Amino acid sequence: MAKSKFYKNVYIYLTIGLIIVFLGFSTSYFGRLSQSALPYHIHGISATLWMIILIVQPFLYTHSKLKVHKYLGWSTLILVPTLVLAGMEMIRLMIQNQKNYPPDIVYNLAFIDVTTLLGFVLLYVLALHFRKRLRLHARLMVCTLFGPLVPALTRVFFILNLADDFNQSLTFSFAVVEIVLLFIIWIERKQKEAKLTYLPVLIFTIFQHLLMYFAGNWSWWSSLVNTLTGYQ
């Protein structure tokens, strides 16, 4: 990481990700802070803090602030469970209030949210486990960015009037993430760590993209989600 120009400046690319997330949620959350209930604030704050940590950590490392980097890294043991629990609460609230959404779309969104949360947890656990293998650890951490980019980009397409409907916006968002991952894989094609991180994440994203169109029609899925969220 320290010898790679790409990772030396990776915080710049991650900052672009944060800007996209902020823009995407500028109207639905950041623009209505006083109108949002506590669970939405916990979710918004924890997700934003995670994005900020992704930016700060490589900056600290490449500027030899290793002690601060280490302490900040261990603080995520509190942040990540908070983020995941808040994300689960967002899913529950969405299912409970599904009358405010187009018919059955909440089960498609729940599929995306649940699989994204599971993928995030797996990437985080692996990043902790391989924290001493710097190049692998760094790439695993970067990979946690791509999940939040999908809902953020979906909203960006709507804000900029670049999509005709929600499904089209979702499709465009997944396509953008997949293209970015393909580009990263291409420029890192000689790095074995890319085959262990970006490639599996790309495959996961493609499957997530394809299956989301059908998840709303799976009776077992809707029944499971209803049971887990207490929806009658």
C-alpha atoms as a PDB file:
ATOM      1  CA  MET A   1       0.000   0.000   0.000  1.00  0.00           C
ATOM      2  CA  ALA A   2       2.722   2.460   0.935  1.00  0.00           C
ATOM      3  CA  LYS A   3       4.565   1.724  -2.314  1.00  0.00           C
ATOM      4  CA  SER A   4       1.508   1.877  -4.531  1.00  0.00           C
ATOM      5  CA  LYS A   5       0.545   5.208  -6.021  1.00  0.00           C
ATOM      6  CA  PHE A   6      -3.043   4.045  -6.283  1.00  0.00           C
ATOM      7  CA  TYR A   7      -3.334   3.231  -2.596  1.00  0.00           C
ATOM      8  CA  LYS A   8      -1.225   6.165  -1.544  1.00  0.00           C
ATOM      9  CA  ASN A   9      -4.033   8.385  -2.841  1.00  0.00           C
ATOM     10  CA  VAL A  10      -6.932   6.011  -2.240  1.00  0.00           C
ATOM     11  CA  TYR A  11      -8.519   8.397   0.272  1.00  0.00           C
ATOM     12  CA  ILE A  12      -9.202  10.758  -2.654  1.00  0.00           C
ATOM     13  CA  TYR A  13     -11.215   8.104  -4.493  1.00  0.00           C
ATOM     14  CA  LEU A  14     -13.033   7.164  -1.296  1.00  0.00           C
ATOM     15  CA  THR A  15     -13.887  10.830  -0.767  1.00  0.00           C
ATOM     16  CA  ILE A  16     -15.634  10.768  -4.143  1.00  0.00           C
ATOM     17  CA  GLY A  17     -17.678   7.855  -2.806  1.00  0.00           C
ATOM     18  CA  LEU A  18     -18.651   9.879   0.257  1.00  0.00           C
ATOM     19  CA  ILE A  19     -19.697  12.801  -1.949  1.00  0.00           C
ATOM     20  CA  ILE A  20     -21.913  10.464  -4.011  1.00  0.00           C
ATOM     21  CA  VAL A  21     -23.521   9.096  -0.837  1.00  0.00           C
ATOM     22  CA  PHE A  22     -24.085  12.609   0.521  1.00  0.00           C
ATOM     23  CA  LEU A  23     -25.592  13.762  -2.773  1.00  0.00           C
ATOM     24  CA  GLY A  24     -27.794  10.681  -3.031  1.00  0.00           C
ATOM     25  CA  PHE A  25     -29.230  11.146   0.439  1.00  0.00           C
ATOM     26  CA  SER A  26     -29.205  14.958   0.354  1.00  0.00           C
ATOM     27  CA  THR A  27     -32.969  15.196  -0.088  1.00  0.00           C
ATOM     28  CA  SER A  28     -34.228  12.018   1.604  1.00  0.00           C
ATOM     29  CA  TYR A  29     -32.134  12.352   4.776  1.00  0.00           C
ATOM     30  CA  PHE A  30     -29.616  15.203   5.045  1.00  0.00           C
ATOM     31  CA  GLY A  31     -32.159  17.720   3.783  1.00  0.00           C
ATOM     32  CA  ARG A  32     -34.758  16.614   6.342  1.00  0.00           C
ATOM     33  CA  LEU A  33     -32.748  16.034   9.502  1.00  0.00           C
ATOM     34  CA  SER A  34     -35.291  17.684  11.799  1.00  0.00           C
ATOM     35  CA  GLN A  35     -38.070  15.472  10.413  1.00  0.00           C
ATOM     36  CA  SER A  36     -36.282  12.150  10.868  1.00  0.00           C
ATOM     37  CA  ALA A  37     -36.810   9.806  13.836  1.00  0.00           C
ATOM     38  CA  LEU A  38     -33.943   8.560  16.018  1.00  0.00           C
ATOM     39  CA  PRO A  39     -33.385   5.218  14.176  1.00  0.00           C
ATOM     40  CA  TYR A  40     -32.792   7.123  10.937  1.00  0.00           C
ATOM     41  CA  HIS A  41     -30.251   9.357  12.661  1.00  0.00           C
ATOM     42  CA  ILE A  42     -28.397   6.377  14.124  1.00  0.00           C
ATOM     43  CA  HIS A  43     -28.297   4.748  10.699  1.00  0.00           C
ATOM     44  CA  GLY A  44     -27.244   7.955   8.946  1.00  0.00           C
ATOM     45  CA  ILE A  45     -24.573   8.880  11.481  1.00  0.00           C
ATOM     46  CA  SER A  46     -23.067   5.383  11.743  1.00  0.00           C
ATOM     47  CA  ALA A  47     -22.955   4.960   7.951  1.00  0.00           C
ATOM     48  CA  THR A  48     -21.400   8.410   7.504  1.00  0.00           C
ATOM     49  CA  LEU A  49     -18.797   7.723  10.182  1.00  0.00           C
ATOM     50  CA  TRP A  50     -17.876   4.483   8.449  1.00  0.00           C
ATOM     51  CA  MET A  51     -17.357   6.331   5.167  1.00  0.00           C
ATOM     52  CA  ILE A  52     -15.217   8.935   6.938  1.00  0.00           C
ATOM     53  CA  ILE A  53     -13.107   6.219   8.578  1.00  0.00           C
ATOM     54  CA  LEU A  54     -12.542   4.613   5.176  1.00  0.00           C
ATOM     55  CA  ILE A  55     -11.119   7.940   4.010  1.00  0.00           C
ATOM     56  CA  VAL A  56      -9.099   8.776   7.129  1.00  0.00           C
ATOM     57  CA  GLN A  57      -7.456   5.378   7.702  1.00  0.00           C
ATOM     58  CA  PRO A  58      -5.346   5.184   4.501  1.00  0.00           C
ATOM     59  CA  PHE A  59      -4.447   8.855   4.917  1.00  0.00           C
ATOM     60  CA  LEU A  60      -3.173   8.159   8.437  1.00  0.00           C
ATOM     61  CA  TYR A  61      -1.231   5.109   7.314  1.00  0.00           C
ATOM     62  CA  THR A  62       0.493   6.783   4.373  1.00  0.00           C
ATOM     63  CA  HIS A  63       1.413   9.717   6.638  1.00  0.00           C
ATOM     64  CA  SER A  64       2.934   7.390   9.266  1.00  0.00           C
ATOM     65  CA  LYS A  65       0.234   8.034  11.896  1.00  0.00           C
ATOM     66  CA  LEU A  66       0.177   4.351  12.734  1.00  0.00           C
ATOM     67  CA  LYS A  67      -0.839   4.653  16.376  1.00  0.00           C
ATOM     68  CA  VAL A  68      -3.886   6.772  15.560  1.00  0.00           C
ATOM     69  CA  HIS A  69      -4.655   4.430  12.651  1.00  0.00           C
ATOM     70  CA  LYS A  70      -4.630   1.461  15.029  1.00  0.00           C
ATOM     71  CA  TYR A  71      -6.860   3.045  17.686  1.00  0.00           C
ATOM     72  CA  LEU A  72      -9.316   4.310  15.101  1.00  0.00           C
ATOM     73  CA  GLY A  73      -9.429   0.854  13.563  1.00  0.00           C
ATOM     74  CA  TRP A  74     -10.309  -0.801  16.868  1.00  0.00           C
ATOM     75  CA  SER A  75     -13.060   1.769  17.458  1.00  0.00           C
ATOM     76  CA  THR A  76     -14.952   0.154  14.584  1.00  0.00           C
ATOM     77  CA  LEU A  77     -15.691  -2.770  16.897  1.00  0.00           C
ATOM     78  CA  ILE A  78     -18.339  -0.456  18.353  1.00  0.00           C
ATOM     79  CA  LEU A  79     -19.273   1.370  15.162  1.00  0.00           C
ATOM     80  CA  VAL A  80     -19.850  -1.658  12.933  1.00  0.00           C
ATOM     81  CA  PRO A  81     -22.393  -3.454  15.191  1.00  0.00           C
ATOM     82  CA  THR A  82     -24.214  -0.124  15.553  1.00  0.00           C
ATOM     83  CA  LEU A  83     -24.252   0.322  11.782  1.00  0.00           C
ATOM     84  CA  VAL A  84     -25.496  -3.229  11.157  1.00  0.00           C
ATOM     85  CA  LEU A  85     -28.213  -3.091  13.832  1.00  0.00           C
ATOM     86  CA  ALA A  86     -29.358   0.283  12.514  1.00  0.00           C
ATOM     87  CA  GLY A  87     -29.467  -1.152   9.003  1.00  0.00           C
ATOM     88  CA  MET A  88     -31.611  -4.042  10.231  1.00  0.00           C
ATOM     89  CA  GLU A  89     -33.948  -1.558  11.890  1.00  0.00           C
ATOM     90  CA  MET A  90     -34.241   0.346   8.604  1.00  0.00           C
ATOM     91  CA  ILE A  91     -35.340  -2.882   6.910  1.00  0.00           C
ATOM     92  CA  ARG A  92     -37.901  -3.529   9.657  1.00  0.00           C
ATOM     93  CA  LEU A  93     -39.319  -0.022   9.378  1.00  0.00           C
ATOM     94  CA  MET A  94     -39.517  -0.328   5.603  1.00  0.00           C
ATOM     95  CA  ILE A  95     -41.481  -3.583   5.801  1.00  0.00           C
ATOM     96  CA  GLN A  96     -43.743  -2.231   8.541  1.00  0.00           C
ATOM     97  CA  ASN A  97     -44.493   0.844   6.412  1.00  0.00           C
ATOM     98  CA  GLN A  98     -44.684  -0.882   3.053  1.00  0.00           C
ATOM     99  CA  LYS A  99     -48.035   0.766   2.287  1.00  0.00           C
ATOM    100  CA  ASN A 100     -45.991   3.894   1.526  1.00  0.00           C
ATOM    101  CA  TYR A 101     -44.056   2.052  -1.203  1.00  0.00           C
ATOM    102  CA  PRO A 102     -45.044   0.705  -4.638  1.00  0.00           C
ATOM    103  CA  PRO A 103     -46.585  -2.822  -4.363  1.00  0.00           C
ATOM    104  CA  ASP A 104     -44.111  -5.580  -3.381  1.00  0.00           C
ATOM    105  CA  ILE A 105     -41.029  -3.467  -4.098  1.00  0.00           C
ATOM    106  CA  VAL A 106     -40.051  -3.577  -0.413  1.00  0.00           C
ATOM    107  CA  TYR A 107     -39.165  -7.263  -0.734  1.00  0.00           C
ATOM    108  CA  ASN A 108     -36.809  -6.521  -3.625  1.00  0.00           C
ATOM    109  CA  LEU A 109     -35.238  -3.739  -1.561  1.00  0.00           C
ATOM    110  CA  ALA A 110     -35.062  -5.981   1.504  1.00  0.00           C
ATOM    111  CA  PHE A 111     -33.179  -8.553  -0.571  1.00  0.00           C
ATOM    112  CA  ILE A 112     -30.641  -5.916  -1.625  1.00  0.00           C
ATOM    113  CA  ASP A 113     -30.325  -4.541   1.921  1.00  0.00           C
ATOM    114  CA  VAL A 114     -29.994  -7.924   3.648  1.00  0.00           C
ATOM    115  CA  THR A 115     -27.417  -9.286   1.203  1.00  0.00           C
ATOM    116  CA  THR A 116     -25.504  -5.992   1.322  1.00  0.00           C
ATOM    117  CA  LEU A 117     -25.389  -6.101   5.127  1.00  0.00           C
ATOM    118  CA  LEU A 118     -24.234  -9.732   5.096  1.00  0.00           C
ATOM    119  CA  GLY A 119     -21.567  -8.913   2.536  1.00  0.00           C
ATOM    120  CA  PHE A 120     -20.441  -5.903   4.562  1.00  0.00           C
ATOM    121  CA  VAL A 121     -20.091  -7.968   7.743  1.00  0.00           C
ATOM    122  CA  LEU A 122     -18.107 -10.659   5.907  1.00  0.00           C
ATOM    123  CA  LEU A 123     -15.744  -8.092   4.373  1.00  0.00           C
ATOM    124  CA  TYR A 124     -15.256  -6.387   7.742  1.00  0.00           C
ATOM    125  CA  VAL A 125     -14.513  -9.658   9.564  1.00  0.00           C
ATOM    126  CA  LEU A 126     -12.057 -10.674   6.850  1.00  0.00           C
ATOM    127  CA  ALA A 127     -10.397  -7.245   6.971  1.00  0.00           C
ATOM    128  CA  LEU A 128      -9.909  -7.632  10.722  1.00  0.00           C
ATOM    129  CA  HIS A 129      -8.595 -11.151  10.332  1.00  0.00           C
ATOM    130  CA  PHE A 130      -6.078 -10.103   7.656  1.00  0.00           C
ATOM    131  CA  ARG A 131      -5.154  -6.776   9.240  1.00  0.00           C
ATOM    132  CA  LYS A 132      -1.463  -7.724   9.213  1.00  0.00           C
ATOM    133  CA  ARG A 133      -1.563  -8.489   5.489  1.00  0.00           C
ATOM    134  CA  LEU A 134      -1.677  -4.860   4.483  1.00  0.00           C
ATOM    135  CA  ARG A 135      -2.446  -5.145   0.779  1.00  0.00           C
ATOM    136  CA  LEU A 136      -5.262  -7.618   1.357  1.00  0.00           C
ATOM    137  CA  HIS A 137      -6.609  -5.713   4.360  1.00  0.00           C
ATOM    138  CA  ALA A 138      -6.688  -2.423   2.436  1.00  0.00           C
ATOM    139  CA  ARG A 139      -8.581  -3.892  -0.491  1.00  0.00           C
ATOM    140  CA  LEU A 140     -11.121  -5.596   1.762  1.00  0.00           C
ATOM    141  CA  MET A 141     -11.810  -2.272   3.447  1.00  0.00           C
ATOM    142  CA  VAL A 142     -12.203  -0.503   0.111  1.00  0.00           C
ATOM    143  CA  CYS A 143     -14.695  -3.167  -0.966  1.00  0.00           C
ATOM    144  CA  THR A 144     -17.057  -2.180   1.854  1.00  0.00           C
ATOM    145  CA  LEU A 145     -17.731   1.039  -0.072  1.00  0.00           C
ATOM    146  CA  PHE A 146     -19.509  -0.573  -3.014  1.00  0.00           C
ATOM    147  CA  GLY A 147     -22.619  -1.743  -1.148  1.00  0.00           C
ATOM    148  CA  PRO A 148     -23.678   1.747   0.037  1.00  0.00           C
ATOM    149  CA  LEU A 149     -22.967   3.158  -3.419  1.00  0.00           C
ATOM    150  CA  VAL A 150     -25.941   1.318  -4.962  1.00  0.00           C
ATOM    151  CA  PRO A 151     -28.729   3.042  -2.954  1.00  0.00           C
ATOM    152  CA  ALA A 152     -26.853   6.344  -3.134  1.00  0.00           C
ATOM    153  CA  LEU A 153     -26.450   6.187  -6.914  1.00  0.00           C
ATOM    154  CA  THR A 154     -30.079   5.124  -7.288  1.00  0.00           C
ATOM    155  CA  ARG A 155     -31.130   8.380  -5.649  1.00  0.00           C
ATOM    156  CA  VAL A 156     -28.580  10.384  -7.651  1.00  0.00           C
ATOM    157  CA  PHE A 157     -30.087   9.144 -10.912  1.00  0.00           C
ATOM    158  CA  PHE A 158     -33.483  10.306  -9.702  1.00  0.00           C
ATOM    159  CA  ILE A 159     -32.194  13.675  -8.512  1.00  0.00           C
ATOM    160  CA  LEU A 160     -30.566  14.285 -11.905  1.00  0.00           C
ATOM    161  CA  ASN A 161     -33.600  12.915 -13.803  1.00  0.00           C
ATOM    162  CA  LEU A 162     -31.481  10.290 -15.519  1.00  0.00           C
ATOM    163  CA  ALA A 163     -33.874   7.380 -14.924  1.00  0.00           C
ATOM    164  CA  ASP A 164     -37.530   6.892 -15.831  1.00  0.00           C
ATOM    165  CA  ASP A 165     -38.467   4.727 -12.846  1.00  0.00           C
ATOM    166  CA  PHE A 166     -37.061   3.096  -9.725  1.00  0.00           C
ATOM    167  CA  ASN A 167     -36.103  -0.220 -11.354  1.00  0.00           C
ATOM    168  CA  GLN A 168     -34.248   1.565 -14.116  1.00  0.00           C
ATOM    169  CA  SER A 169     -32.413   3.693 -11.569  1.00  0.00           C
ATOM    170  CA  LEU A 170     -31.429   0.564  -9.626  1.00  0.00           C
ATOM    171  CA  THR A 171     -30.256  -1.083 -12.838  1.00  0.00           C
ATOM    172  CA  PHE A 172     -28.095   1.921 -13.737  1.00  0.00           C
ATOM    173  CA  SER A 173     -26.649   2.012 -10.209  1.00  0.00           C
ATOM    174  CA  PHE A 174     -25.631  -1.635 -10.227  1.00  0.00           C
ATOM    175  CA  ALA A 175     -24.168  -1.186 -13.709  1.00  0.00           C
ATOM    176  CA  VAL A 176     -22.019   1.743 -12.556  1.00  0.00           C
ATOM    177  CA  VAL A 177     -20.677  -0.232  -9.569  1.00  0.00           C
ATOM    178  CA  GLU A 178     -19.968  -3.241 -11.779  1.00  0.00           C
ATOM    179  CA  ILE A 179     -18.123  -1.094 -14.340  1.00  0.00           C
ATOM    180  CA  VAL A 180     -16.040   0.517 -11.578  1.00  0.00           C
ATOM    181  CA  LEU A 181     -15.144  -2.906 -10.190  1.00  0.00           C
ATOM    182  CA  LEU A 182     -14.218  -4.157 -13.665  1.00  0.00           C
ATOM    183  CA  PHE A 183     -11.981  -1.118 -14.147  1.00  0.00           C
ATOM    184  CA  ILE A 184     -10.248  -1.666 -10.787  1.00  0.00           C
ATOM    185  CA  ILE A 185      -9.767  -5.356 -11.561  1.00  0.00           C
ATOM    186  CA  TRP A 186      -8.233  -4.448 -14.918  1.00  0.00           C
ATOM    187  CA  ILE A 187      -5.749  -1.920 -13.508  1.00  0.00           C
ATOM    188  CA  GLU A 188      -4.874  -4.342 -10.689  1.00  0.00           C
ATOM    189  CA  ARG A 189      -4.852  -7.450 -12.860  1.00  0.00           C
ATOM    190  CA  LYS A 190      -1.269  -8.257 -11.804  1.00  0.00           C
ATOM    191  CA  GLN A 191      -2.075  -8.038  -8.089  1.00  0.00           C
ATOM    192  CA  LYS A 192      -3.078 -11.361  -6.543  1.00  0.00           C
ATOM    193  CA  GLU A 193      -5.029  -9.563  -3.789  1.00  0.00           C
ATOM    194  CA  ALA A 194      -7.427  -8.174  -6.406  1.00  0.00           C
ATOM    195  CA  LYS A 195      -8.448 -11.730  -7.295  1.00  0.00           C
ATOM    196  CA  LEU A 196      -9.281 -12.337  -3.626  1.00  0.00           C
ATOM    197  CA  THR A 197     -11.253  -9.122  -3.118  1.00  0.00           C
ATOM    198  CA  TYR A 198     -12.562  -7.129  -6.069  1.00  0.00           C
ATOM    199  CA  LEU A 199     -13.282 -10.161  -8.255  1.00  0.00           C
ATOM    200  CA  PRO A 200     -15.453 -11.967  -5.649  1.00  0.00           C
ATOM    201  CA  VAL A 201     -17.208  -8.674  -4.863  1.00  0.00           C
ATOM    202  CA  LEU A 202     -17.927  -8.181  -8.573  1.00  0.00           C
ATOM    203  CA  ILE A 203     -19.378 -11.697  -8.845  1.00  0.00           C
ATOM    204  CA  PHE A 204     -21.450 -11.103  -5.704  1.00  0.00           C
ATOM    205  CA  THR A 205     -22.717  -7.771  -7.081  1.00  0.00           C
ATOM    206  CA  ILE A 206     -23.708  -9.307 -10.420  1.00  0.00           C
ATOM    207  CA  PHE A 207     -25.678 -12.080  -8.702  1.00  0.00           C
ATOM    208  CA  GLN A 208     -27.276  -9.526  -6.379  1.00  0.00           C
ATOM    209  CA  HIS A 209     -28.154  -7.405  -9.419  1.00  0.00           C
ATOM    210  CA  LEU A 210     -29.740 -10.289 -11.331  1.00  0.00           C
ATOM    211  CA  LEU A 211     -31.635 -11.803  -8.409  1.00  0.00           C
ATOM    212  CA  MET A 212     -33.112  -8.524  -7.164  1.00  0.00           C
ATOM    213  CA  TYR A 213     -35.577  -8.510 -10.082  1.00  0.00           C
ATOM    214  CA  PHE A 214     -37.096 -11.782  -8.884  1.00  0.00           C
ATOM    215  CA  ALA A 215     -36.805 -11.550  -5.079  1.00  0.00           C
ATOM    216  CA  GLY A 216     -40.156  -9.779  -4.754  1.00  0.00           C
ATOM    217  CA  ASN A 217     -41.885 -12.833  -6.280  1.00  0.00           C
ATOM    218  CA  TRP A 218     -40.355 -15.362  -3.907  1.00  0.00           C
ATOM    219  CA  SER A 219     -43.116 -16.324  -1.454  1.00  0.00           C
ATOM    220  CA  TRP A 220     -40.595 -17.925   0.907  1.00  0.00           C
ATOM    221  CA  TRP A 221     -38.588 -14.715   0.975  1.00  0.00           C
ATOM    222  CA  SER A 222     -41.532 -12.433   1.691  1.00  0.00           C
ATOM    223  CA  SER A 223     -42.745 -14.842   4.398  1.00  0.00           C
ATOM    224  CA  LEU A 224     -39.286 -14.958   5.979  1.00  0.00           C
ATOM    225  CA  VAL A 225     -38.926 -11.171   5.905  1.00  0.00           C
ATOM    226  CA  ASN A 226     -42.416 -10.701   7.342  1.00  0.00           C
ATOM    227  CA  THR A 227     -41.654 -13.132  10.152  1.00  0.00           C
ATOM    228  CA  LEU A 228     -38.297 -11.561  11.017  1.00  0.00           C
ATOM    229  CA  THR A 229     -39.711  -8.021  10.981  1.00  0.00           C
ATOM    230  CA  GLY A 230     -42.965  -8.873  12.787  1.00  0.00           C
ATOM    231  CA  TYR A 231     -45.134  -7.757   9.894  1.00  0.00           C
ATOM    232  CA  GLN A 232     -48.715  -9.022  10.044  1.00  0.00           C
END
